[in-house]
Amino acid sequence: MFKDSPKLKQIYIAGNNINRIGRNTFAPLARVQQLNLMHNKIRTIEEGAFDCVDKSYKDPRIYLSNNELSTVPAGIVPKIKLKIHDNPILCDCNLKIPDNISHLII
């Protein structure tokens, strides 16, 4: 899907009834600074799905609000700002938050 646009920096795919993000969904991208996947039906995100995010960018952001996620996705790139509010996430003592997230909004 993105083979002809490897330099994309911002992706907005909100409100498209997407239910899963696979490991290679955003391949071959590697410079994404903002990824907006809000208002979909995402339940599953495979580890490595966000390898497209530019690790050298100072303020990378992923927006996953208003989906159907029950956990915070594992394998998020370092120092990411993750907005994941309005999902059916159970916020209790067992909630596992990856240690490489710099900002988390649930």
Protein backbone atom coordinates (compact mmCIF):
# COMPACT_ATOMS: atom_id res chain seq x y z
CA MET A 1 0.00 0.00 0.00
CA PHE A 2 2.79 2.47 0.86
CA LYS A 3 5.51 1.21 -1.50
CA ASP A 4 5.32 4.34 -3.67
CA SER A 5 5.34 6.76 -0.71
CA PRO A 6 8.27 5.77 1.55
CA LYS A 7 8.84 9.36 2.76
CA LEU A 8 5.41 9.91 4.31
CA LYS A 9 5.65 11.70 7.66
CA GLN A 10 1.99 11.97 8.66
CA ILE A 11 -0.69 9.35 8.12
CA TYR A 12 -4.35 9.94 8.89
CA ILE A 13 -6.50 6.80 8.57
CA ALA A 14 -9.23 7.63 11.06
CA GLY A 15 -12.80 6.36 10.76
CA ASN A 16 -12.20 3.51 8.33
CA ASN A 17 -13.49 0.44 10.22
CA ILE A 18 -9.97 -1.03 10.48
CA ASN A 19 -9.98 -3.93 12.96
CA ARG A 20 -6.32 -5.00 13.07
CA ILE A 21 -2.88 -3.60 12.37
CA GLY A 22 -0.45 -6.22 11.13
CA ARG A 23 3.31 -6.25 11.50
CA ASN A 24 3.87 -5.09 7.88
CA THR A 25 0.86 -2.81 7.47
CA PHE A 26 3.01 0.29 7.12
CA ALA A 27 6.06 -1.26 5.42
CA PRO A 28 8.30 0.14 3.88
CA LEU A 29 7.74 3.40 5.79
CA ALA A 30 10.36 4.48 8.35
CA ARG A 31 9.94 8.25 8.75
CA VAL A 32 6.40 8.60 10.10
CA GLN A 33 6.12 11.28 12.79
CA GLN A 34 2.37 11.13 13.41
CA LEU A 35 0.04 8.20 12.86
CA ASN A 36 -3.67 8.75 13.43
CA LEU A 37 -5.80 5.59 13.64
CA MET A 38 -8.60 7.00 15.80
CA HIS A 39 -12.27 6.06 15.38
CA ASN A 40 -11.70 2.62 13.88
CA LYS A 41 -12.51 -0.83 15.31
CA ILE A 42 -8.96 -1.91 16.06
CA ARG A 43 -8.75 -4.84 18.49
CA THR A 44 -5.37 -6.28 17.57
CA ILE A 45 -2.00 -4.66 16.92
CA GLU A 46 0.87 -6.99 16.09
CA GLU A 47 4.25 -6.31 17.64
CA GLY A 48 6.41 -4.34 15.22
CA ALA A 49 3.40 -2.73 13.53
CA PHE A 50 4.72 0.73 14.42
CA ASP A 51 8.29 0.23 13.22
CA CYS A 52 7.38 2.87 10.61
CA VAL A 53 7.68 5.61 13.24
CA ASP A 54 10.79 7.79 12.88
CA LYS A 55 12.92 6.90 15.91
CA SER A 56 15.07 10.02 15.49
CA TYR A 57 12.12 12.42 15.52
CA LYS A 58 11.85 14.29 18.84
CA ASP A 59 8.06 14.08 19.27
CA PRO A 60 6.54 10.99 17.59
CA ARG A 61 2.83 10.42 18.20
CA ILE A 62 0.38 7.59 17.68
CA TYR A 63 -3.34 8.20 18.11
CA LEU A 64 -5.41 5.08 18.86
CA SER A 65 -8.37 6.64 20.66
CA ASN A 66 -11.91 5.40 20.07
CA ASN A 67 -11.08 1.87 19.01
CA GLU A 68 -11.74 -1.52 20.64
CA LEU A 69 -8.36 -2.13 22.28
CA SER A 70 -8.41 -3.93 25.63
CA THR A 71 -4.65 -3.58 26.35
CA VAL A 72 -1.86 -1.11 25.68
CA PRO A 73 -0.04 -2.39 22.59
CA ALA A 74 3.37 -3.99 23.16
CA GLY A 75 6.37 -3.18 21.00
CA ILE A 76 5.73 0.56 20.76
CA VAL A 77 8.77 2.51 19.55
CA PRO A 78 10.85 4.46 22.11
CA LYS A 79 9.76 7.84 23.53
CA ILE A 80 6.37 7.74 21.87
CA LYS A 81 3.38 9.84 22.86
CA LEU A 82 0.43 7.46 22.78
CA LYS A 83 -3.19 8.59 22.98
CA ILE A 84 -5.37 5.58 23.61
CA HIS A 85 -8.39 6.96 25.50
CA ASP A 86 -11.96 5.80 24.85
CA ASN A 87 -11.02 2.15 24.43
CA PRO A 88 -12.32 -0.69 26.63
CA ILE A 89 -9.00 -0.95 28.50
CA LEU A 90 -9.26 -2.33 32.00
CA CYS A 91 -7.21 0.07 34.13
CA ASP A 92 -6.30 -1.92 37.23
CA CYS A 93 -3.18 -3.09 39.02
CA ASN A 94 -2.55 -5.69 36.30
CA LEU A 95 -2.36 -3.18 33.44
CA LYS A 96 0.99 -3.56 31.69
CA ILE A 97 2.37 -0.35 30.22
CA PRO A 98 5.49 -0.68 28.06
CA ASP A 99 8.38 1.24 29.62
CA ASN A 100 9.33 3.00 26.39
CA ILE A 101 6.22 5.21 26.25
CA SER A 102 7.00 8.79 27.26
CA HIS A 103 3.39 10.04 27.48
CA LEU A 104 0.25 7.95 27.81
CA ILE A 105 -3.33 9.21 27.75
CA ILE A 106 -5.88 6.51 28.63
